[in-house]
Amino acid sequence: MLRTLMAAGLLTSIAFAAAQVNVYSHRHYAADKQLFETFEKKTGIKVNVVKAKADELIKRLESEGENSPADILITADAARLHLAKSKGLLQSVDSAFLNATVPAKLRDRDGRWFALTKRARIIVYNKDTIDPGELSTYEALTEEKFRKKILIRKSSNVYNQSLLASIIANDGEEAARKWAEGMVRNFARTPRGNDRDQMKAVAAGFGDIAVVNTYYVGKLLNSRKINEVAVGKKMGVFFPNQEGRGTHINISGAGVVKHSPNKDNAVALLEFLLSQEAQRVFARANYEYPVNPEVAPSKLLQSWGAFKEDDLPLNKLGENNAEAVQIFNEAGWR
């Protein structure tokens, strides 16, 4: 039986049914590999990782059913975790450490998933062409003065779906529809590419403003490619809606799979990933905001300043996902 004594960020007394834990992960970062190796050294539990896109992992879990070897599903965006939960693929975890460490808004109300890291979806702008004094909210990006200046990913991107889902939850369907339609009018080009591509397009003069996740800015600024560093340096960082609900937050997160053959080991790994030691690695190596409140963001993120977060419980992002997709389609956001 697992004993979770993690207040100091350490595993202190654990007995395991099997010396392995099987992870299905959508994350593809060196920091994760480093943390899995550290966990193995600390516990003697072998971490086996299967990597694939989130939708592929969810479909695989569905097809494997009770015979799945998976213990943990790790993916990005609360909407995907909500989808896995709604399909009955995750089980409830009752961990005193996880419940005390992960703020309520960043975990499933039924204990089926927990945030591992936070990302803010922010506005970045070309420092040479945009005065940050012109910026204020997500909603203000629909104003006439930003016509043909906005760059953002496709509506099929779950980060955008969750941003719209948050607007639905906070302000209602009509406000969300108005925002989507206004953004389409102000597109500098037809959406394509990832968040880094939006910033590269801003730097190249295809538009002046982009909506991106914070950690992508960090990756550009710390890239081994000189041209990507140059793009990052051209970007100004702006946290929208600071006078209102706050900036939209999303996560990468994890849950224990329903038919986990190594549940105790899975919970131990989750607790380790939320420990101060692991959270510092996520913050330093991948430019994500820590979930553990005892851990400070990296120096780069601190340099952008503190900001007000939207306190919306992230369950709402999944609950409003289907409506967000419908509004995007009706608005002509492709």
C-alpha atoms as a PDB file:
ATOM      1  CA  MET A   1       0.000   0.000   0.000  1.00  0.00           C
ATOM      2  CA  LEU A   2       1.347   3.397  -0.979  1.00  0.00           C
ATOM      3  CA  ARG A   3       2.143   5.865   1.781  1.00  0.00           C
ATOM      4  CA  THR A   4       2.317   9.411   0.413  1.00  0.00           C
ATOM      5  CA  LEU A   5       4.648  11.538   2.484  1.00  0.00           C
ATOM      6  CA  MET A   6       5.459  14.321   0.050  1.00  0.00           C
ATOM      7  CA  ALA A   7       5.321  17.527   2.101  1.00  0.00           C
ATOM      8  CA  ALA A   8       9.069  17.997   1.631  1.00  0.00           C
ATOM      9  CA  GLY A   9       8.941  16.886  -1.981  1.00  0.00           C
ATOM     10  CA  LEU A  10      10.370  13.410  -1.180  1.00  0.00           C
ATOM     11  CA  LEU A  11       9.108   9.848  -1.396  1.00  0.00           C
ATOM     12  CA  THR A  12       9.896   8.462   2.024  1.00  0.00           C
ATOM     13  CA  SER A  13       8.021   5.205   2.610  1.00  0.00           C
ATOM     14  CA  ILE A  14       6.622   3.277  -0.314  1.00  0.00           C
ATOM     15  CA  ALA A  15       5.843  -0.357  -0.979  1.00  0.00           C
ATOM     16  CA  PHE A  16       5.053  -1.227  -4.574  1.00  0.00           C
ATOM     17  CA  ALA A  17       3.102  -4.048  -6.141  1.00  0.00           C
ATOM     18  CA  ALA A  18       5.346  -3.961  -9.222  1.00  0.00           C
ATOM     19  CA  ALA A  19       8.524  -2.103 -10.052  1.00  0.00           C
ATOM     20  CA  GLN A  20       7.213  -0.358 -13.150  1.00  0.00           C
ATOM     21  CA  VAL A  21       4.797   2.322 -14.283  1.00  0.00           C
ATOM     22  CA  ASN A  22       3.551   2.686 -17.856  1.00  0.00           C
ATOM     23  CA  VAL A  23       2.999   6.213 -19.162  1.00  0.00           C
ATOM     24  CA  TYR A  24       1.071   7.225 -22.285  1.00  0.00           C
ATOM     25  CA  SER A  25       2.303  10.757 -22.960  1.00  0.00           C
ATOM     26  CA  HIS A  26       1.535  13.497 -25.438  1.00  0.00           C
ATOM     27  CA  ARG A  27       4.393  15.577 -24.016  1.00  0.00           C
ATOM     28  CA  HIS A  28       7.683  15.369 -25.911  1.00  0.00           C
ATOM     29  CA  TYR A  29      10.171  17.367 -23.869  1.00  0.00           C
ATOM     30  CA  ALA A  30      13.642  16.563 -22.597  1.00  0.00           C
ATOM     31  CA  ALA A  31      12.578  17.760 -19.141  1.00  0.00           C
ATOM     32  CA  ASP A  32      10.069  14.914 -18.898  1.00  0.00           C
ATOM     33  CA  LYS A  33      12.708  12.305 -19.750  1.00  0.00           C
ATOM     34  CA  GLN A  34      15.008  13.812 -17.126  1.00  0.00           C
ATOM     35  CA  LEU A  35      12.282  13.640 -14.480  1.00  0.00           C
ATOM     36  CA  PHE A  36      11.350  10.051 -15.307  1.00  0.00           C
ATOM     37  CA  GLU A  37      14.994   9.055 -14.938  1.00  0.00           C
ATOM     38  CA  THR A  38      15.216  10.844 -11.584  1.00  0.00           C
ATOM     39  CA  PHE A  39      12.086   9.061 -10.390  1.00  0.00           C
ATOM     40  CA  GLU A  40      13.575   5.708 -11.414  1.00  0.00           C
ATOM     41  CA  LYS A  41      16.735   6.393  -9.426  1.00  0.00           C
ATOM     42  CA  LYS A  42      14.803   7.494  -6.349  1.00  0.00           C
ATOM     43  CA  THR A  43      12.340   4.607  -6.286  1.00  0.00           C
ATOM     44  CA  GLY A  44      13.682   1.745  -8.383  1.00  0.00           C
ATOM     45  CA  ILE A  45      10.457   1.882 -10.417  1.00  0.00           C
ATOM     46  CA  LYS A  46      10.991   1.627 -14.166  1.00  0.00           C
ATOM     47  CA  VAL A  47       9.099   4.248 -16.185  1.00  0.00           C
ATOM     48  CA  ASN A  48       7.985   2.946 -19.587  1.00  0.00           C
ATOM     49  CA  VAL A  49       6.803   5.689 -21.945  1.00  0.00           C
ATOM     50  CA  VAL A  50       4.632   5.512 -25.061  1.00  0.00           C
ATOM     51  CA  LYS A  51       4.531   8.807 -26.956  1.00  0.00           C
ATOM     52  CA  ALA A  52       1.858   9.825 -29.444  1.00  0.00           C
ATOM     53  CA  LYS A  53      -0.614  12.606 -30.146  1.00  0.00           C
ATOM     54  CA  ALA A  54      -3.347  13.050 -27.581  1.00  0.00           C
ATOM     55  CA  ASP A  55      -6.181  11.833 -29.802  1.00  0.00           C
ATOM     56  CA  GLU A  56      -4.181   8.737 -30.748  1.00  0.00           C
ATOM     57  CA  LEU A  57      -3.508   7.909 -27.092  1.00  0.00           C
ATOM     58  CA  ILE A  58      -7.156   8.325 -26.154  1.00  0.00           C
ATOM     59  CA  LYS A  59      -8.260   6.082 -29.029  1.00  0.00           C
ATOM     60  CA  ARG A  60      -5.646   3.525 -28.021  1.00  0.00           C
ATOM     61  CA  LEU A  61      -6.923   3.471 -24.447  1.00  0.00           C
ATOM     62  CA  GLU A  62     -10.468   2.988 -25.746  1.00  0.00           C
ATOM     63  CA  SER A  63      -9.470   0.071 -27.956  1.00  0.00           C
ATOM     64  CA  GLU A  64      -7.327  -1.594 -25.273  1.00  0.00           C
ATOM     65  CA  GLY A  65     -10.035  -1.366 -22.639  1.00  0.00           C
ATOM     66  CA  GLU A  66      -9.472  -3.569 -19.593  1.00  0.00           C
ATOM     67  CA  ASN A  67      -6.354  -5.033 -21.206  1.00  0.00           C
ATOM     68  CA  SER A  68      -4.508  -1.712 -21.407  1.00  0.00           C
ATOM     69  CA  PRO A  69      -1.032  -1.744 -19.834  1.00  0.00           C
ATOM     70  CA  ALA A  70      -1.240   2.042 -19.317  1.00  0.00           C
ATOM     71  CA  ASP A  71      -1.082   3.476 -15.817  1.00  0.00           C
ATOM     72  CA  ILE A  72      -0.966   7.222 -16.536  1.00  0.00           C
ATOM     73  CA  LEU A  73      -2.204   9.440 -19.361  1.00  0.00           C
ATOM     74  CA  ILE A  74      -0.283  12.719 -19.746  1.00  0.00           C
ATOM     75  CA  THR A  75      -1.463  15.322 -22.209  1.00  0.00           C
ATOM     76  CA  ALA A  76      -1.785  19.034 -22.834  1.00  0.00           C
ATOM     77  CA  ASP A  77      -4.969  21.051 -22.318  1.00  0.00           C
ATOM     78  CA  ALA A  78      -7.717  20.473 -19.804  1.00  0.00           C
ATOM     79  CA  ALA A  79     -10.218  19.837 -22.604  1.00  0.00           C
ATOM     80  CA  ARG A  80      -8.376  16.669 -23.629  1.00  0.00           C
ATOM     81  CA  LEU A  81      -8.255  15.470 -20.038  1.00  0.00           C
ATOM     82  CA  HIS A  82     -11.976  16.160 -19.733  1.00  0.00           C
ATOM     83  CA  LEU A  83     -12.542  14.129 -22.916  1.00  0.00           C
ATOM     84  CA  ALA A  84     -10.596  11.180 -21.486  1.00  0.00           C
ATOM     85  CA  LYS A  85     -12.646  11.437 -18.301  1.00  0.00           C
ATOM     86  CA  SER A  86     -15.954  11.623 -20.191  1.00  0.00           C
ATOM     87  CA  LYS A  87     -15.027   8.437 -22.062  1.00  0.00           C
ATOM     88  CA  GLY A  88     -14.488   6.639 -18.766  1.00  0.00           C
ATOM     89  CA  LEU A  89     -10.753   6.218 -19.296  1.00  0.00           C
ATOM     90  CA  LEU A  90      -9.545   7.710 -15.996  1.00  0.00           C
ATOM     91  CA  GLN A  91     -10.108   6.737 -12.366  1.00  0.00           C
ATOM     92  CA  SER A  92     -10.417   8.824  -9.237  1.00  0.00           C
ATOM     93  CA  VAL A  93      -7.306   9.370  -7.125  1.00  0.00           C
ATOM     94  CA  ASP A  94      -7.545  10.391  -3.487  1.00  0.00           C
ATOM     95  CA  SER A  95      -4.112  11.742  -2.596  1.00  0.00           C
ATOM     96  CA  ALA A  96      -3.713  14.119   0.333  1.00  0.00           C
ATOM     97  CA  PHE A  97      -0.544  15.503  -1.236  1.00  0.00           C
ATOM     98  CA  LEU A  98      -2.105  16.130  -4.654  1.00  0.00           C
ATOM     99  CA  ASN A  99      -5.225  17.675  -3.155  1.00  0.00           C
ATOM    100  CA  ALA A 100      -3.136  19.984  -0.953  1.00  0.00           C
ATOM    101  CA  THR A 101      -0.640  20.924  -3.672  1.00  0.00           C
ATOM    102  CA  VAL A 102      -2.743  21.379  -6.801  1.00  0.00           C
ATOM    103  CA  PRO A 103      -5.194  24.317  -6.553  1.00  0.00           C
ATOM    104  CA  ALA A 104      -8.819  23.237  -6.915  1.00  0.00           C
ATOM    105  CA  LYS A 105      -9.296  25.065 -10.220  1.00  0.00           C
ATOM    106  CA  LEU A 106      -6.348  23.102 -11.703  1.00  0.00           C
ATOM    107  CA  ARG A 107      -7.641  19.605 -10.959  1.00  0.00           C
ATOM    108  CA  ASP A 108     -10.714  17.587 -11.752  1.00  0.00           C
ATOM    109  CA  ARG A 109     -13.434  17.901  -9.142  1.00  0.00           C
ATOM    110  CA  ASP A 110     -13.643  14.080  -9.022  1.00  0.00           C
ATOM    111  CA  GLY A 111      -9.896  13.528  -8.781  1.00  0.00           C
ATOM    112  CA  ARG A 112      -9.541  12.025 -12.242  1.00  0.00           C
ATOM    113  CA  TRP A 113      -6.847  14.420 -13.469  1.00  0.00           C
ATOM    114  CA  PHE A 114      -4.387  16.933 -12.056  1.00  0.00           C
ATOM    115  CA  ALA A 115      -2.428  19.774 -13.633  1.00  0.00           C
ATOM    116  CA  LEU A 116       1.333  19.278 -13.922  1.00  0.00           C
ATOM    117  CA  THR A 117       2.242  22.647 -15.441  1.00  0.00           C
ATOM    118  CA  LYS A 118       0.500  25.893 -16.362  1.00  0.00           C
ATOM    119  CA  ARG A 119       0.617  27.941 -19.560  1.00  0.00           C
ATOM    120  CA  ALA A 120      -0.889  31.377 -20.051  1.00  0.00           C
ATOM    121  CA  ARG A 121      -2.425  32.152 -23.452  1.00  0.00           C
ATOM    122  CA  ILE A 122      -1.228  35.671 -24.036  1.00  0.00           C
ATOM    123  CA  ILE A 123      -0.937  38.419 -26.609  1.00  0.00           C
ATOM    124  CA  VAL A 124       2.475  38.999 -28.175  1.00  0.00           C
ATOM    125  CA  TYR A 125       3.194  41.968 -30.408  1.00  0.00           C
ATOM    126  CA  ASN A 126       5.855  43.391 -32.671  1.00  0.00           C
ATOM    127  CA  LYS A 127       7.724  45.897 -30.509  1.00  0.00           C
ATOM    128  CA  ASP A 128       8.477  48.022 -33.577  1.00  0.00           C
ATOM    129  CA  THR A 129       4.892  48.441 -34.768  1.00  0.00           C
ATOM    130  CA  ILE A 130       2.585  48.150 -31.752  1.00  0.00           C
ATOM    131  CA  ASP A 131       2.354  50.364 -28.678  1.00  0.00           C
ATOM    132  CA  PRO A 132       1.404  48.065 -25.764  1.00  0.00           C
ATOM    133  CA  GLY A 133      -0.774  50.895 -24.501  1.00  0.00           C
ATOM    134  CA  GLU A 134      -3.175  49.985 -27.325  1.00  0.00           C
ATOM    135  CA  LEU A 135      -3.681  46.487 -25.880  1.00  0.00           C
ATOM    136  CA  SER A 136      -6.117  45.519 -23.136  1.00  0.00           C
ATOM    137  CA  THR A 137      -8.260  42.388 -23.521  1.00  0.00           C
ATOM    138  CA  TYR A 138      -8.849  39.407 -25.788  1.00  0.00           C
ATOM    139  CA  GLU A 139     -12.148  41.027 -26.713  1.00  0.00           C
ATOM    140  CA  ALA A 140     -10.456  44.277 -27.761  1.00  0.00           C
ATOM    141  CA  LEU A 141      -8.548  42.398 -30.478  1.00  0.00           C
ATOM    142  CA  THR A 142     -11.790  42.508 -32.489  1.00  0.00           C
ATOM    143  CA  GLU A 143     -11.690  46.317 -32.742  1.00  0.00           C
ATOM    144  CA  GLU A 144     -11.384  48.046 -36.101  1.00  0.00           C
ATOM    145  CA  LYS A 145      -7.881  49.355 -35.310  1.00  0.00           C
ATOM    146  CA  PHE A 146      -6.566  45.779 -35.409  1.00  0.00           C
ATOM    147  CA  ARG A 147      -8.045  44.947 -38.829  1.00  0.00           C
ATOM    148  CA  LYS A 148      -5.679  42.618 -40.752  1.00  0.00           C
ATOM    149  CA  LYS A 149      -3.186  42.601 -37.874  1.00  0.00           C
ATOM    150  CA  ILE A 150      -4.041  39.415 -35.938  1.00  0.00           C
ATOM    151  CA  LEU A 151      -2.273  36.072 -36.316  1.00  0.00           C
ATOM    152  CA  ILE A 152      -3.508  32.923 -34.581  1.00  0.00           C
ATOM    153  CA  ARG A 153      -3.789  29.185 -35.096  1.00  0.00           C
ATOM    154  CA  LYS A 154      -6.651  27.266 -36.697  1.00  0.00           C
ATOM    155  CA  SER A 155      -9.898  26.673 -34.857  1.00  0.00           C
ATOM    156  CA  SER A 156      -9.084  22.946 -34.775  1.00  0.00           C
ATOM    157  CA  ASN A 157      -6.315  23.732 -32.291  1.00  0.00           C
ATOM    158  CA  VAL A 158      -7.418  22.757 -28.788  1.00  0.00           C
ATOM    159  CA  TYR A 159      -5.671  25.786 -27.220  1.00  0.00           C
ATOM    160  CA  ASN A 160      -7.967  28.094 -29.182  1.00  0.00           C
ATOM    161  CA  GLN A 161     -10.990  25.928 -28.443  1.00  0.00           C
ATOM    162  CA  SER A 162     -10.283  26.189 -24.729  1.00  0.00           C
ATOM    163  CA  LEU A 163      -9.786  29.954 -24.928  1.00  0.00           C
ATOM    164  CA  LEU A 164     -13.194  30.278 -26.569  1.00  0.00           C
ATOM    165  CA  ALA A 165     -14.657  27.833 -24.047  1.00  0.00           C
ATOM    166  CA  SER A 166     -13.413  30.115 -21.271  1.00  0.00           C
ATOM    167  CA  ILE A 167     -15.173  33.080 -22.885  1.00  0.00           C
ATOM    168  CA  ILE A 168     -18.380  31.040 -23.064  1.00  0.00           C
ATOM    169  CA  ALA A 169     -18.058  30.147 -19.378  1.00  0.00           C
ATOM    170  CA  ASN A 170     -17.273  33.696 -18.275  1.00  0.00           C
ATOM    171  CA  ASP A 171     -19.429  35.833 -20.556  1.00  0.00           C
ATOM    172  CA  GLY A 172     -21.907  33.602 -22.351  1.00  0.00           C
ATOM    173  CA  GLU A 173     -22.501  32.239 -25.835  1.00  0.00           C
ATOM    174  CA  GLU A 174     -23.323  35.559 -27.518  1.00  0.00           C
ATOM    175  CA  ALA A 175     -20.126  37.213 -26.294  1.00  0.00           C
ATOM    176  CA  ALA A 176     -18.128  34.215 -27.462  1.00  0.00           C
ATOM    177  CA  ARG A 177     -19.766  34.310 -30.890  1.00  0.00           C
ATOM    178  CA  LYS A 178     -19.092  38.046 -31.215  1.00  0.00           C
ATOM    179  CA  TRP A 179     -15.429  37.493 -30.307  1.00  0.00           C
ATOM    180  CA  ALA A 180     -14.933  34.680 -32.816  1.00  0.00           C
ATOM    181  CA  GLU A 181     -16.559  36.651 -35.628  1.00  0.00           C
ATOM    182  CA  GLY A 182     -14.547  39.777 -34.795  1.00  0.00           C
ATOM    183  CA  MET A 183     -11.289  37.847 -34.743  1.00  0.00           C
ATOM    184  CA  VAL A 184     -12.015  36.376 -38.183  1.00  0.00           C
ATOM    185  CA  ARG A 185     -12.544  39.898 -39.561  1.00  0.00           C
ATOM    186  CA  ASN A 186      -9.172  40.952 -38.171  1.00  0.00           C
ATOM    187  CA  PHE A 187      -7.068  38.018 -39.360  1.00  0.00           C
ATOM    188  CA  ALA A 188      -3.903  39.070 -41.154  1.00  0.00           C
ATOM    189  CA  ARG A 189      -3.978  35.756 -43.050  1.00  0.00           C
ATOM    190  CA  THR A 190      -5.797  32.440 -43.038  1.00  0.00           C
ATOM    191  CA  PRO A 191      -4.755  30.628 -39.850  1.00  0.00           C
ATOM    192  CA  ARG A 192      -1.980  28.059 -40.238  1.00  0.00           C
ATOM    193  CA  GLY A 193       1.024  26.780 -38.326  1.00  0.00           C
ATOM    194  CA  ASN A 194       1.766  26.507 -34.617  1.00  0.00           C
ATOM    195  CA  ASP A 195       2.315  29.234 -32.024  1.00  0.00           C
ATOM    196  CA  ARG A 196       5.964  29.689 -32.982  1.00  0.00           C
ATOM    197  CA  ASP A 197       4.904  30.120 -36.610  1.00  0.00           C
ATOM    198  CA  GLN A 198       2.538  32.935 -35.590  1.00  0.00           C
ATOM    199  CA  MET A 199       5.419  34.802 -33.928  1.00  0.00           C
ATOM    200  CA  LYS A 200       7.688  34.215 -36.916  1.00  0.00           C
ATOM    201  CA  ALA A 201       4.972  35.695 -39.127  1.00  0.00           C
ATOM    202  CA  VAL A 202       4.712  38.733 -36.839  1.00  0.00           C
ATOM    203  CA  ALA A 203       8.474  39.221 -37.031  1.00  0.00           C
ATOM    204  CA  ALA A 204       8.334  38.898 -40.832  1.00  0.00           C
ATOM    205  CA  GLY A 205       5.674  41.591 -41.101  1.00  0.00           C
ATOM    206  CA  PHE A 206       2.655  39.444 -42.041  1.00  0.00           C
ATOM    207  CA  GLY A 207       0.814  40.814 -39.013  1.00  0.00           C
ATOM    208  CA  ASP A 208       1.488  42.741 -35.837  1.00  0.00           C
ATOM    209  CA  ILE A 209      -0.120  40.725 -33.030  1.00  0.00           C
ATOM    210  CA  ALA A 210      -0.400  37.027 -32.201  1.00  0.00           C
ATOM    211  CA  VAL A 211      -2.126  34.948 -29.531  1.00  0.00           C
ATOM    212  CA  VAL A 212       0.222  32.260 -28.184  1.00  0.00           C
ATOM    213  CA  ASN A 213       1.082  30.172 -25.138  1.00  0.00           C
ATOM    214  CA  THR A 214       3.792  31.653 -22.939  1.00  0.00           C
ATOM    215  CA  TYR A 215       6.182  28.717 -23.073  1.00  0.00           C
ATOM    216  CA  TYR A 216       6.580  29.084 -26.843  1.00  0.00           C
ATOM    217  CA  VAL A 217       8.045  32.552 -26.299  1.00  0.00           C
ATOM    218  CA  GLY A 218      10.560  31.016 -23.905  1.00  0.00           C
ATOM    219  CA  LYS A 219      11.460  28.346 -26.434  1.00  0.00           C
ATOM    220  CA  LEU A 220      12.155  30.937 -29.126  1.00  0.00           C
ATOM    221  CA  LEU A 221      14.296  33.069 -26.833  1.00  0.00           C
ATOM    222  CA  ASN A 222      16.316  30.025 -25.795  1.00  0.00           C
ATOM    223  CA  SER A 223      16.494  28.309 -29.178  1.00  0.00           C
ATOM    224  CA  ARG A 224      19.770  27.049 -30.609  1.00  0.00           C
ATOM    225  CA  LYS A 225      18.768  28.718 -33.876  1.00  0.00           C
ATOM    226  CA  ILE A 226      19.899  32.334 -34.119  1.00  0.00           C
ATOM    227  CA  ASN A 227      16.968  33.297 -36.338  1.00  0.00           C
ATOM    228  CA  GLU A 228      14.460  31.976 -33.767  1.00  0.00           C
ATOM    229  CA  VAL A 229      16.138  33.905 -30.955  1.00  0.00           C
ATOM    230  CA  ALA A 230      15.857  37.027 -33.118  1.00  0.00           C
ATOM    231  CA  VAL A 231      12.120  36.411 -33.523  1.00  0.00           C
ATOM    232  CA  GLY A 232      11.698  36.002 -29.777  1.00  0.00           C
ATOM    233  CA  LYS A 233      13.499  39.273 -29.113  1.00  0.00           C
ATOM    234  CA  LYS A 234      11.096  41.125 -31.398  1.00  0.00           C
ATOM    235  CA  MET A 235       8.098  40.008 -29.368  1.00  0.00           C
ATOM    236  CA  GLY A 236       6.559  42.065 -26.599  1.00  0.00           C
ATOM    237  CA  VAL A 237       4.618  40.079 -23.987  1.00  0.00           C
ATOM    238  CA  PHE A 238       1.188  41.275 -22.844  1.00  0.00           C
ATOM    239  CA  PHE A 239      -1.151  39.627 -20.336  1.00  0.00           C
ATOM    240  CA  PRO A 240      -4.738  40.495 -21.334  1.00  0.00           C
ATOM    241  CA  ASN A 241      -7.843  41.093 -19.202  1.00  0.00           C
ATOM    242  CA  GLN A 242      -5.935  42.242 -16.142  1.00  0.00           C
ATOM    243  CA  GLU A 243      -8.696  44.675 -15.178  1.00  0.00           C
ATOM    244  CA  GLY A 244     -11.309  41.963 -15.436  1.00  0.00           C
ATOM    245  CA  ARG A 245     -11.332  38.171 -15.136  1.00  0.00           C
ATOM    246  CA  GLY A 246      -7.618  37.751 -15.780  1.00  0.00           C
ATOM    247  CA  THR A 247      -5.530  35.993 -18.408  1.00  0.00           C
ATOM    248  CA  HIS A 248      -6.657  32.593 -19.675  1.00  0.00           C
ATOM    249  CA  ILE A 249      -4.720  29.709 -18.148  1.00  0.00           C
ATOM    250  CA  ASN A 250      -4.415  26.184 -19.441  1.00  0.00           C
ATOM    251  CA  ILE A 251      -2.337  23.220 -18.395  1.00  0.00           C
ATOM    252  CA  SER A 252      -0.569  20.052 -19.200  1.00  0.00           C
ATOM    253  CA  GLY A 253      -1.851  17.393 -16.859  1.00  0.00           C
ATOM    254  CA  ALA A 254      -2.209  13.745 -16.038  1.00  0.00           C
ATOM    255  CA  GLY A 255      -4.615  11.170 -14.731  1.00  0.00           C
ATOM    256  CA  VAL A 256      -4.440   7.554 -13.626  1.00  0.00           C
ATOM    257  CA  VAL A 257      -5.917   5.218 -16.246  1.00  0.00           C
ATOM    258  CA  LYS A 258      -9.071   3.348 -15.223  1.00  0.00           C
ATOM    259  CA  HIS A 259      -7.578  -0.145 -15.539  1.00  0.00           C
ATOM    260  CA  SER A 260      -4.089   0.771 -14.339  1.00  0.00           C
ATOM    261  CA  PRO A 261      -2.201  -2.412 -13.362  1.00  0.00           C
ATOM    262  CA  ASN A 262       0.208  -0.384 -11.214  1.00  0.00           C
ATOM    263  CA  LYS A 263      -1.981   2.233  -9.556  1.00  0.00           C
ATOM    264  CA  ASP A 264       0.201   2.799  -6.475  1.00  0.00           C
ATOM    265  CA  ASN A 265       3.238   3.408  -8.662  1.00  0.00           C
ATOM    266  CA  ALA A 266       1.200   5.717 -10.891  1.00  0.00           C
ATOM    267  CA  VAL A 267       0.085   7.831  -7.931  1.00  0.00           C
ATOM    268  CA  ALA A 268       3.672   7.948  -6.673  1.00  0.00           C
ATOM    269  CA  LEU A 269       4.853   9.246 -10.051  1.00  0.00           C
ATOM    270  CA  LEU A 270       2.128  11.893 -10.122  1.00  0.00           C
ATOM    271  CA  GLU A 271       3.118  13.032  -6.641  1.00  0.00           C
ATOM    272  CA  PHE A 272       6.769  13.200  -7.652  1.00  0.00           C
ATOM    273  CA  LEU A 273       5.931  15.299 -10.730  1.00  0.00           C
ATOM    274  CA  LEU A 274       4.143  17.779  -8.448  1.00  0.00           C
ATOM    275  CA  SER A 275       7.004  17.849  -5.918  1.00  0.00           C
ATOM    276  CA  GLN A 276       9.111  20.976  -5.579  1.00  0.00           C
ATOM    277  CA  GLU A 277      12.089  19.208  -7.166  1.00  0.00           C
ATOM    278  CA  ALA A 278      10.202  18.230 -10.306  1.00  0.00           C
ATOM    279  CA  GLN A 279       8.300  21.497 -10.572  1.00  0.00           C
ATOM    280  CA  ARG A 280      11.582  23.416 -10.610  1.00  0.00           C
ATOM    281  CA  VAL A 281      12.721  21.307 -13.569  1.00  0.00           C
ATOM    282  CA  PHE A 282       9.516  21.976 -15.512  1.00  0.00           C
ATOM    283  CA  ALA A 283       9.830  25.700 -14.809  1.00  0.00           C
ATOM    284  CA  ARG A 284      13.499  25.972 -15.688  1.00  0.00           C
ATOM    285  CA  ALA A 285      13.741  23.630 -18.669  1.00  0.00           C
ATOM    286  CA  ASN A 286      10.439  24.155 -20.431  1.00  0.00           C
ATOM    287  CA  TYR A 287       9.425  27.722 -19.477  1.00  0.00           C
ATOM    288  CA  GLU A 288       6.106  26.585 -17.987  1.00  0.00           C
ATOM    289  CA  TYR A 289       4.537  28.023 -14.868  1.00  0.00           C
ATOM    290  CA  PRO A 290       4.733  25.674 -11.864  1.00  0.00           C
ATOM    291  CA  VAL A 291       1.524  24.307 -10.377  1.00  0.00           C
ATOM    292  CA  ASN A 292       3.075  23.751  -6.940  1.00  0.00           C
ATOM    293  CA  PRO A 293       2.634  27.135  -5.183  1.00  0.00           C
ATOM    294  CA  GLU A 294       5.919  26.648  -3.293  1.00  0.00           C
ATOM    295  CA  VAL A 295       7.923  26.866  -6.539  1.00  0.00           C
ATOM    296  CA  ALA A 296       8.712  30.144  -8.277  1.00  0.00           C
ATOM    297  CA  PRO A 297       8.574  30.594 -12.061  1.00  0.00           C
ATOM    298  CA  SER A 298      11.840  30.734 -13.994  1.00  0.00           C
ATOM    299  CA  LYS A 299      13.748  34.014 -14.166  1.00  0.00           C
ATOM    300  CA  LEU A 300      12.552  34.562 -17.727  1.00  0.00           C
ATOM    301  CA  LEU A 301       8.908  34.238 -16.750  1.00  0.00           C
ATOM    302  CA  GLN A 302       9.467  36.440 -13.715  1.00  0.00           C
ATOM    303  CA  SER A 303      10.924  39.090 -16.031  1.00  0.00           C
ATOM    304  CA  TRP A 304       7.516  39.356 -17.718  1.00  0.00           C
ATOM    305  CA  GLY A 305       5.963  40.275 -14.386  1.00  0.00           C
ATOM    306  CA  ALA A 306       3.272  38.877 -12.155  1.00  0.00           C
ATOM    307  CA  PHE A 307      -0.225  38.761 -13.599  1.00  0.00           C
ATOM    308  CA  LYS A 308      -3.803  38.019 -12.652  1.00  0.00           C
ATOM    309  CA  GLU A 309      -5.002  34.570 -13.735  1.00  0.00           C
ATOM    310  CA  ASP A 310      -8.536  33.677 -14.723  1.00  0.00           C
ATOM    311  CA  ASP A 311      -9.872  31.643 -11.768  1.00  0.00           C
ATOM    312  CA  LEU A 312     -12.262  29.645 -13.935  1.00  0.00           C
ATOM    313  CA  PRO A 313     -12.262  25.951 -12.913  1.00  0.00           C
ATOM    314  CA  LEU A 314     -10.669  24.151 -15.852  1.00  0.00           C
ATOM    315  CA  ASN A 315     -13.409  21.519 -15.960  1.00  0.00           C
ATOM    316  CA  LYS A 316     -15.397  24.235 -17.744  1.00  0.00           C
ATOM    317  CA  LEU A 317     -13.031  24.150 -20.722  1.00  0.00           C
ATOM    318  CA  GLY A 318     -13.953  20.578 -21.528  1.00  0.00           C
ATOM    319  CA  GLU A 319     -17.616  21.058 -20.726  1.00  0.00           C
ATOM    320  CA  ASN A 320     -17.848  23.952 -23.219  1.00  0.00           C
ATOM    321  CA  ASN A 321     -15.617  22.446 -25.909  1.00  0.00           C
ATOM    322  CA  ALA A 322     -18.358  21.218 -28.246  1.00  0.00           C
ATOM    323  CA  GLU A 323     -20.103  24.585 -28.148  1.00  0.00           C
ATOM    324  CA  ALA A 324     -16.784  26.352 -28.845  1.00  0.00           C
ATOM    325  CA  VAL A 325     -16.170  24.177 -31.916  1.00  0.00           C
ATOM    326  CA  GLN A 326     -19.671  24.933 -33.201  1.00  0.00           C
ATOM    327  CA  ILE A 327     -19.210  28.695 -32.736  1.00  0.00           C
ATOM    328  CA  PHE A 328     -15.863  28.585 -34.553  1.00  0.00           C
ATOM    329  CA  ASN A 329     -17.471  26.782 -37.494  1.00  0.00           C
ATOM    330  CA  GLU A 330     -20.367  29.211 -37.671  1.00  0.00           C
ATOM    331  CA  ALA A 331     -17.970  32.187 -37.476  1.00  0.00           C
ATOM    332  CA  GLY A 332     -15.942  30.914 -40.424  1.00  0.00           C
ATOM    333  CA  TRP A 333     -12.792  30.404 -38.357  1.00  0.00           C
ATOM    334  CA  ARG A 334     -11.036  27.598 -40.184  1.00  0.00           C
END
